[in-house]
Amino acid sequence: MNPTGNRYHRAILHVDMDAFYVNVHLLAHPEDAGIPLAVGGRPDERGVITSASYEARQFGVRSAMPTAVALRLVPRLKVVPPDWPRIRECSRAVMVVLARYGPLEKMSVDEAYIDLLDAADPPATAAEVRERVPAETQLPASVGLATSKLVAKVASDFNKPRGLTVVPPGGEAAFLAPQPARVIWGIGPRTAERLAALGITTCGELAAADPARLRAAFGREADNLMRRARGEDDRPVMPDRGPAKSISQEWTFNSDVGDAATLRDYLERMSAEVAEQLRQENLLARTVRVKFRWSDFTTFTRQRSLDVGTDEAATIFRVAEALWRENWPPGRPMRLIGVGATGLVAVEGRQLGLGL
């Protein structure tokens, strides 16, 4: 029991905005509501889908899909470009609302964790958050409440859109049991295939697996997989404290991506987002960093320092693309890609050049 007397020893809320980029577009273009709609790049420029409306998703359109493929699936699909300044503005408005409820850890422009341990009634607070966000921002959200980040994130995706899923203390394993093993953090396509070869396709089957058999296949990682399948995850909510030491954007693909044009498009997009945030916070970056994650969840970063600080999207992208090209074996599927800026300093003047 916590000091408020509720029965949660940990109460973590995951808030995930519903089709965020699409709904930001609809704020300015309500006439596009109810149609198959996607935010993404142009098909003649090998663009990709960033976000799709639920009407488009019914036909199989999804994020990271080449726009040309999406249009073949749905010829009447309306594709619009992302409005990055408006997306940032709406994200800030959402986070202002969320921060009222407890310590906030922002994960991206459209998702965050909130520590609700001090709430007198966490489920009631979760329901309030789900209603308050659209009431103040006109943007719908889904929320999941649980005792861990892992289960809260799965819960927020359980009943989209505008979903509210509460997993009570002690109910984590039962909630996860019927769901595909892929919902568990750390299980990508390759790991899922190896589990399937052992006859394991659901979280319940993974949680109940023979430990010795699993260790023979996965070594020391076997115990971690079983714990996560039971919903055990002790990662705390980590609220932002003090001035930023780095600014980054990253994208986890629903399906691993090995297409160079698609990955380059995401790098350029994230570089622009990082640059915009640098300008908003009146900062220059002296180091550009790229984050890689392969399909087997191997993760690493590579970085390069600049002779002078920058907040220019073109410069950040130029360095990020060079790092990516140097470290990405062409065609190798990527689970996640990210762009970051570190070595941040306050703006005292404008940059004069670039050192590579």
Protein backbone atom coordinates (compact mmCIF):
# COMPACT_ATOMS: atom_id res chain seq x y z
CA MET A 1 0.00 0.00 0.00
CA ASN A 2 1.28 3.49 -0.76
CA PRO A 3 0.77 6.60 1.42
CA THR A 4 -2.56 7.44 -0.24
CA GLY A 5 -4.03 4.10 0.83
CA ASN A 6 -4.68 2.67 -2.63
CA ARG A 7 -3.61 -0.90 -3.35
CA TYR A 8 -1.04 -0.07 -6.03
CA HIS A 9 2.57 -0.52 -4.94
CA ARG A 10 3.42 1.02 -8.33
CA ALA A 11 0.98 2.83 -10.59
CA ILE A 12 2.24 3.71 -14.04
CA LEU A 13 0.08 5.22 -16.76
CA HIS A 14 1.08 5.04 -20.41
CA VAL A 15 -0.59 7.62 -22.64
CA ASP A 16 -0.48 6.99 -26.37
CA MET A 17 -2.10 9.51 -28.70
CA ASP A 18 -4.38 7.99 -31.34
CA ALA A 19 -3.16 8.46 -34.95
CA PHE A 20 -1.50 11.62 -33.67
CA TYR A 21 -0.12 13.07 -36.91
CA VAL A 22 -3.41 12.40 -38.67
CA ASN A 23 -5.45 14.01 -35.92
CA VAL A 24 -3.17 17.04 -35.85
CA HIS A 25 -3.91 17.46 -39.56
CA LEU A 26 -7.65 17.13 -38.90
CA LEU A 27 -7.58 20.06 -36.46
CA ALA A 28 -6.94 22.37 -39.41
CA HIS A 29 -8.77 20.25 -42.00
CA PRO A 30 -11.92 18.80 -40.42
CA GLU A 31 -13.30 18.15 -43.90
CA ASP A 32 -10.88 15.19 -44.14
CA ALA A 33 -12.45 13.36 -41.19
CA GLY A 34 -13.87 9.90 -41.86
CA ILE A 35 -11.91 9.20 -45.04
CA PRO A 36 -8.87 6.98 -45.62
CA LEU A 37 -6.14 9.48 -44.78
CA ALA A 38 -2.40 9.24 -44.25
CA VAL A 39 0.42 11.57 -43.32
CA GLY A 40 3.57 10.82 -45.26
CA GLY A 41 5.90 11.49 -48.15
CA ARG A 42 5.10 11.78 -51.84
CA PRO A 43 4.99 8.52 -53.81
CA ASP A 44 7.04 10.02 -56.66
CA GLU A 45 9.81 10.77 -54.16
CA ARG A 46 9.83 7.27 -52.65
CA GLY A 47 8.08 8.63 -49.58
CA VAL A 48 6.75 6.52 -46.72
CA ILE A 49 3.68 6.64 -44.51
CA THR A 50 4.24 8.23 -41.10
CA SER A 51 0.72 7.76 -39.71
CA ALA A 52 -2.59 6.47 -41.06
CA SER A 53 -6.17 7.08 -40.03
CA TYR A 54 -8.14 4.15 -38.68
CA GLU A 55 -10.21 4.23 -41.88
CA ALA A 56 -6.98 3.66 -43.84
CA ARG A 57 -5.70 1.02 -41.46
CA GLN A 58 -8.75 -1.11 -42.18
CA PHE A 59 -7.30 -1.60 -45.68
CA GLY A 60 -3.83 -2.51 -44.42
CA VAL A 61 -2.14 0.89 -44.58
CA ARG A 62 0.45 1.24 -41.82
CA SER A 63 3.38 3.38 -40.77
CA ALA A 64 6.71 2.88 -42.58
CA MET A 65 4.88 1.51 -45.62
CA PRO A 66 6.02 3.09 -48.91
CA THR A 67 3.43 5.62 -49.99
CA ALA A 68 3.24 4.05 -53.43
CA VAL A 69 2.28 0.71 -51.87
CA ALA A 70 -0.35 2.38 -49.68
CA LEU A 71 -1.91 4.02 -52.73
CA ARG A 72 -2.06 0.68 -54.53
CA LEU A 73 -3.91 -0.76 -51.54
CA VAL A 74 -6.26 2.24 -51.31
CA PRO A 75 -6.33 4.26 -54.55
CA ARG A 76 -8.59 6.87 -52.93
CA LEU A 77 -6.21 7.32 -49.99
CA LYS A 78 -5.51 10.99 -49.32
CA VAL A 79 -1.86 11.57 -48.44
CA VAL A 80 -0.79 14.84 -46.82
CA PRO A 81 2.67 15.99 -45.69
CA PRO A 82 3.44 16.30 -41.96
CA ASP A 83 3.15 19.79 -40.49
CA TRP A 84 6.12 19.59 -38.13
CA PRO A 85 5.69 22.97 -36.38
CA ARG A 86 2.03 22.19 -35.67
CA ILE A 87 2.88 18.65 -34.54
CA ARG A 88 5.43 20.05 -32.07
CA GLU A 89 2.98 22.65 -30.83
CA CYS A 90 0.27 20.05 -30.25
CA SER A 91 2.73 17.71 -28.53
CA ARG A 92 3.70 20.46 -26.08
CA ALA A 93 0.02 21.13 -25.34
CA VAL A 94 -0.57 17.44 -24.61
CA MET A 95 2.44 17.20 -22.30
CA VAL A 96 1.32 20.27 -20.36
CA VAL A 97 -1.95 18.49 -19.59
CA LEU A 98 -0.25 15.23 -18.65
CA ALA A 99 2.30 16.89 -16.35
CA ARG A 100 -0.49 17.96 -13.99
CA TYR A 101 -1.07 14.38 -12.92
CA GLY A 102 2.36 13.31 -11.72
CA PRO A 103 6.02 12.86 -12.69
CA LEU A 104 6.11 12.69 -16.49
CA GLU A 105 8.53 10.83 -18.79
CA LYS A 106 8.05 11.91 -22.39
CA MET A 107 8.96 9.12 -24.81
CA SER A 108 8.14 10.85 -28.11
CA VAL A 109 5.89 13.57 -29.46
CA ASP A 110 2.85 11.35 -28.95
CA GLU A 111 3.48 9.12 -25.94
CA ALA A 112 4.52 9.42 -22.31
CA TYR A 113 4.53 7.64 -18.96
CA ILE A 114 3.10 9.19 -15.78
CA ASP A 115 3.82 7.98 -12.25
CA LEU A 116 0.42 7.87 -10.52
CA LEU A 117 1.55 6.31 -7.25
CA ASP A 118 0.48 9.39 -5.29
CA ALA A 119 -2.98 9.43 -6.85
CA ALA A 120 -5.74 8.52 -4.39
CA ASP A 121 -7.49 6.41 -7.04
CA PRO A 122 -5.19 5.56 -9.99
CA PRO A 123 -7.93 3.97 -12.17
CA ALA A 124 -10.14 7.04 -11.74
CA THR A 125 -7.19 9.28 -12.56
CA ALA A 126 -6.45 7.21 -15.66
CA ALA A 127 -10.04 7.68 -16.81
CA GLU A 128 -9.78 11.41 -16.15
CA VAL A 129 -6.58 11.72 -18.18
CA ARG A 130 -8.19 9.90 -21.10
CA GLU A 131 -11.02 12.47 -21.11
CA ARG A 132 -9.03 15.57 -20.18
CA VAL A 133 -6.48 15.35 -23.03
CA PRO A 134 -9.04 15.58 -25.87
CA ALA A 135 -11.14 18.07 -23.90
CA GLU A 136 -8.23 20.52 -23.79
CA THR A 137 -6.37 19.68 -27.01
CA GLN A 138 -9.06 18.21 -29.31
CA LEU A 139 -6.72 15.26 -29.82
CA PRO A 140 -7.84 11.72 -28.80
CA ALA A 141 -5.71 9.48 -26.61
CA SER A 142 -5.64 5.91 -25.31
CA VAL A 143 -4.32 5.07 -21.86
CA GLY A 144 -3.13 1.97 -20.06
CA LEU A 145 -2.62 1.66 -16.29
CA ALA A 146 -0.54 -1.06 -14.68
CA THR A 147 2.18 -1.67 -12.12
CA SER A 148 4.94 -1.62 -14.76
CA LYS A 149 5.93 0.29 -17.85
CA LEU A 150 5.85 -2.87 -19.93
CA VAL A 151 2.26 -3.78 -19.10
CA ALA A 152 1.04 -0.17 -19.16
CA LYS A 153 2.33 0.25 -22.72
CA VAL A 154 0.69 -2.97 -23.89
CA ALA A 155 -2.52 -1.90 -22.15
CA SER A 156 -2.64 1.50 -23.88
CA ASP A 157 -2.62 -0.28 -27.25
CA PHE A 158 -5.16 -2.89 -26.21
CA ASN A 159 -8.40 -1.08 -27.06
CA LYS A 160 -7.55 1.74 -29.46
CA PRO A 161 -8.77 4.30 -30.33
CA ARG A 162 -9.84 6.23 -27.20
CA GLY A 163 -9.12 3.17 -25.11
CA LEU A 164 -8.91 2.84 -21.34
CA THR A 165 -7.40 -0.40 -20.06
CA VAL A 166 -6.63 -0.93 -16.38
CA VAL A 167 -4.60 -3.96 -15.35
CA PRO A 168 -4.99 -4.40 -11.56
CA PRO A 169 -2.11 -5.38 -9.31
CA GLY A 170 -1.62 -9.13 -9.57
CA GLY A 171 -3.38 -9.33 -12.94
CA GLU A 172 -0.36 -8.65 -15.13
CA ALA A 173 0.40 -12.24 -16.18
CA ALA A 174 -3.25 -13.06 -16.86
CA PHE A 175 -3.64 -9.91 -19.00
CA LEU A 176 -0.58 -10.71 -21.09
CA ALA A 177 -1.13 -14.49 -21.33
CA PRO A 178 -3.34 -14.63 -24.49
CA GLN A 179 -1.43 -11.94 -26.35
CA PRO A 180 1.27 -12.62 -28.95
CA ALA A 181 4.78 -12.81 -27.57
CA ARG A 182 5.70 -9.94 -29.90
CA VAL A 183 3.94 -7.43 -27.63
CA ILE A 184 6.73 -7.90 -25.08
CA TRP A 185 9.50 -5.34 -25.07
CA GLY A 186 12.66 -6.95 -26.45
CA ILE A 187 10.96 -9.54 -28.67
CA GLY A 188 11.45 -8.74 -32.33
CA PRO A 189 10.75 -10.78 -35.46
CA ARG A 190 13.83 -12.96 -35.16
CA THR A 191 13.28 -13.75 -31.48
CA ALA A 192 9.60 -14.43 -32.19
CA GLU A 193 10.60 -16.91 -34.92
CA ARG A 194 12.98 -18.70 -32.57
CA LEU A 195 10.27 -18.90 -29.92
CA ALA A 196 7.75 -20.19 -32.47
CA ALA A 197 10.21 -22.95 -33.37
CA LEU A 198 9.91 -24.03 -29.73
CA GLY A 199 6.11 -23.94 -29.94
CA ILE A 200 5.86 -20.63 -28.08
CA THR A 201 3.68 -17.94 -29.68
CA THR A 202 1.88 -16.27 -26.76
CA CYS A 203 3.01 -14.55 -23.58
CA GLY A 204 1.31 -17.24 -21.51
CA GLU A 205 3.23 -19.98 -23.28
CA LEU A 206 6.46 -18.08 -22.75
CA ALA A 207 5.78 -17.50 -19.06
CA ALA A 208 5.07 -21.22 -18.57
CA ALA A 209 7.94 -22.50 -20.72
CA ASP A 210 10.44 -25.04 -19.45
CA PRO A 211 13.31 -22.82 -18.15
CA ALA A 212 15.99 -25.34 -19.08
CA ARG A 213 14.72 -25.66 -22.64
CA LEU A 214 14.50 -21.89 -22.99
CA ARG A 215 18.00 -21.36 -21.59
CA ALA A 216 19.37 -23.85 -24.09
CA ALA A 217 18.03 -21.64 -26.88
CA PHE A 218 18.50 -18.15 -25.42
CA GLY A 219 21.14 -18.44 -22.72
CA ARG A 220 20.93 -15.94 -19.89
CA GLU A 221 18.30 -13.92 -21.74
CA ALA A 222 15.80 -16.75 -21.18
CA ASP A 223 15.05 -15.71 -17.60
CA ASN A 224 14.49 -12.09 -18.67
CA LEU A 225 12.09 -13.20 -21.39
CA MET A 226 10.05 -15.23 -18.91
CA ARG A 227 9.93 -12.39 -16.40
CA ARG A 228 8.74 -9.93 -19.00
CA ALA A 229 6.11 -12.42 -20.21
CA ARG A 230 4.72 -12.34 -16.65
CA GLY A 231 4.67 -8.54 -16.74
CA GLU A 232 7.62 -8.07 -14.39
CA ASP A 233 9.43 -4.83 -15.18
CA ASP A 234 10.93 -2.59 -12.50
CA ARG A 235 11.94 0.34 -14.72
CA PRO A 236 10.85 3.57 -13.01
CA VAL A 237 9.29 6.63 -14.60
CA MET A 238 12.21 8.97 -15.28
CA PRO A 239 10.99 12.58 -15.42
CA ASP A 240 13.09 15.16 -17.20
CA ARG A 241 15.20 17.15 -14.76
CA GLY A 242 17.17 20.31 -15.53
CA PRO A 243 18.53 21.59 -18.84
CA ALA A 244 18.66 19.17 -21.72
CA LYS A 245 21.95 17.31 -22.15
CA SER A 246 20.81 15.85 -25.45
CA ILE A 247 17.93 16.05 -27.89
CA SER A 248 16.93 13.05 -29.93
CA GLN A 249 14.24 11.45 -32.02
CA GLU A 250 13.89 7.77 -32.80
CA TRP A 251 11.47 5.55 -34.64
CA THR A 252 10.64 1.91 -33.96
CA PHE A 253 9.17 0.24 -37.03
CA ASN A 254 6.17 -2.06 -36.80
CA SER A 255 8.01 -4.37 -39.21
CA ASP A 256 11.77 -4.35 -39.70
CA VAL A 257 12.86 -2.11 -42.56
CA GLY A 258 15.79 -2.77 -44.89
CA ASP A 259 14.93 -0.35 -47.70
CA ALA A 260 17.54 2.40 -48.02
CA ALA A 261 15.16 5.06 -49.33
CA THR A 262 12.73 4.49 -46.46
CA LEU A 263 15.46 4.65 -43.82
CA ARG A 264 16.97 7.76 -45.38
CA ASP A 265 13.55 9.43 -45.38
CA TYR A 266 13.17 8.77 -41.66
CA LEU A 267 16.67 10.08 -40.96
CA GLU A 268 15.88 13.31 -42.78
CA ARG A 269 12.57 13.70 -40.99
CA MET A 270 14.07 13.12 -37.54
CA SER A 271 16.98 15.46 -38.29
CA ALA A 272 14.44 18.20 -39.02
CA GLU A 273 12.65 17.49 -35.75
CA VAL A 274 15.88 17.61 -33.75
CA ALA A 275 16.89 20.87 -35.44
CA GLU A 276 13.52 22.44 -34.68
CA GLN A 277 13.74 21.50 -31.02
CA LEU A 278 17.27 22.93 -30.82
CA ARG A 279 15.99 26.24 -32.17
CA GLN A 280 13.03 26.24 -29.81
CA GLU A 281 15.36 25.80 -26.85
CA ASN A 282 17.93 28.27 -28.21
CA LEU A 283 20.67 25.63 -28.34
CA LEU A 284 23.40 24.54 -30.70
CA ALA A 285 24.68 20.97 -30.98
CA ARG A 286 28.35 20.15 -31.29
CA THR A 287 27.85 16.41 -31.81
CA VAL A 288 25.42 14.44 -34.00
CA ARG A 289 24.56 10.88 -33.08
CA VAL A 290 22.74 8.06 -34.88
CA LYS A 291 21.17 5.13 -33.04
CA PHE A 292 20.91 1.71 -34.69
CA ARG A 293 18.89 -1.33 -33.66
CA TRP A 294 18.95 -4.50 -35.76
CA SER A 295 16.14 -7.04 -35.96
CA ASP A 296 17.81 -9.14 -33.23
CA PHE A 297 17.65 -6.09 -30.90
CA THR A 298 21.40 -5.46 -31.01
CA THR A 299 21.62 -1.72 -30.35
CA PHE A 300 24.48 0.74 -30.69
CA THR A 301 25.18 4.41 -31.47
CA ARG A 302 27.73 6.23 -33.59
CA GLN A 303 28.52 9.91 -33.34
CA ARG A 304 30.59 12.66 -34.92
CA SER A 305 31.68 16.01 -33.53
CA LEU A 306 31.42 19.28 -35.44
CA ASP A 307 33.91 22.12 -35.60
CA VAL A 308 31.13 24.54 -34.68
CA GLY A 309 27.70 24.03 -33.16
CA THR A 310 24.63 23.81 -35.37
CA ASP A 311 20.85 23.95 -35.25
CA GLU A 312 20.40 23.51 -39.00
CA ALA A 313 18.38 20.53 -40.22
CA ALA A 314 20.46 20.16 -43.39
CA THR A 315 23.71 19.97 -41.43
CA ILE A 316 22.37 17.49 -38.90
CA PHE A 317 20.96 15.32 -41.67
CA ARG A 318 24.21 15.44 -43.66
CA VAL A 319 26.18 14.13 -40.68
CA ALA A 320 23.51 11.62 -39.66
CA GLU A 321 23.29 10.24 -43.19
CA ALA A 322 27.08 9.86 -43.35
CA LEU A 323 27.12 7.96 -40.04
CA TRP A 324 24.29 5.74 -41.19
CA ARG A 325 25.90 4.96 -44.54
CA GLU A 326 29.19 4.09 -42.84
CA ASN A 327 27.62 1.69 -40.35
CA TRP A 328 24.60 0.16 -42.12
CA PRO A 329 25.21 -2.95 -44.23
CA PRO A 330 22.93 -2.28 -47.24
CA GLY A 331 19.70 -4.23 -46.98
CA ARG A 332 20.15 -5.25 -43.36
CA PRO A 333 16.74 -4.93 -41.62
CA MET A 334 16.52 -2.29 -38.93
CA ARG A 335 14.11 -2.41 -35.99
CA LEU A 336 14.81 1.16 -34.87
CA ILE A 337 16.68 4.18 -36.12
CA GLY A 338 17.30 7.43 -34.30
CA VAL A 339 19.01 10.81 -34.62
CA GLY A 340 20.35 12.76 -31.66
CA ALA A 341 22.23 15.95 -30.85
CA THR A 342 24.58 16.28 -27.88
CA GLY A 343 27.26 18.66 -26.68
CA LEU A 344 24.56 21.32 -26.36
CA VAL A 345 25.47 24.97 -25.82
CA ALA A 346 23.40 28.14 -25.63
CA VAL A 347 23.27 30.17 -28.83
CA GLU A 348 25.77 33.01 -28.89
CA GLY A 349 26.05 33.36 -32.65
CA ARG A 350 25.30 31.53 -35.84
CA GLN A 351 27.39 28.70 -37.20
CA LEU A 352 29.89 29.38 -39.96
CA GLY A 353 30.63 25.92 -41.29
CA LEU A 354 30.75 22.21 -40.74
CA GLY A 355 33.57 19.94 -39.74
CA LEU A 356 33.22 16.30 -40.72
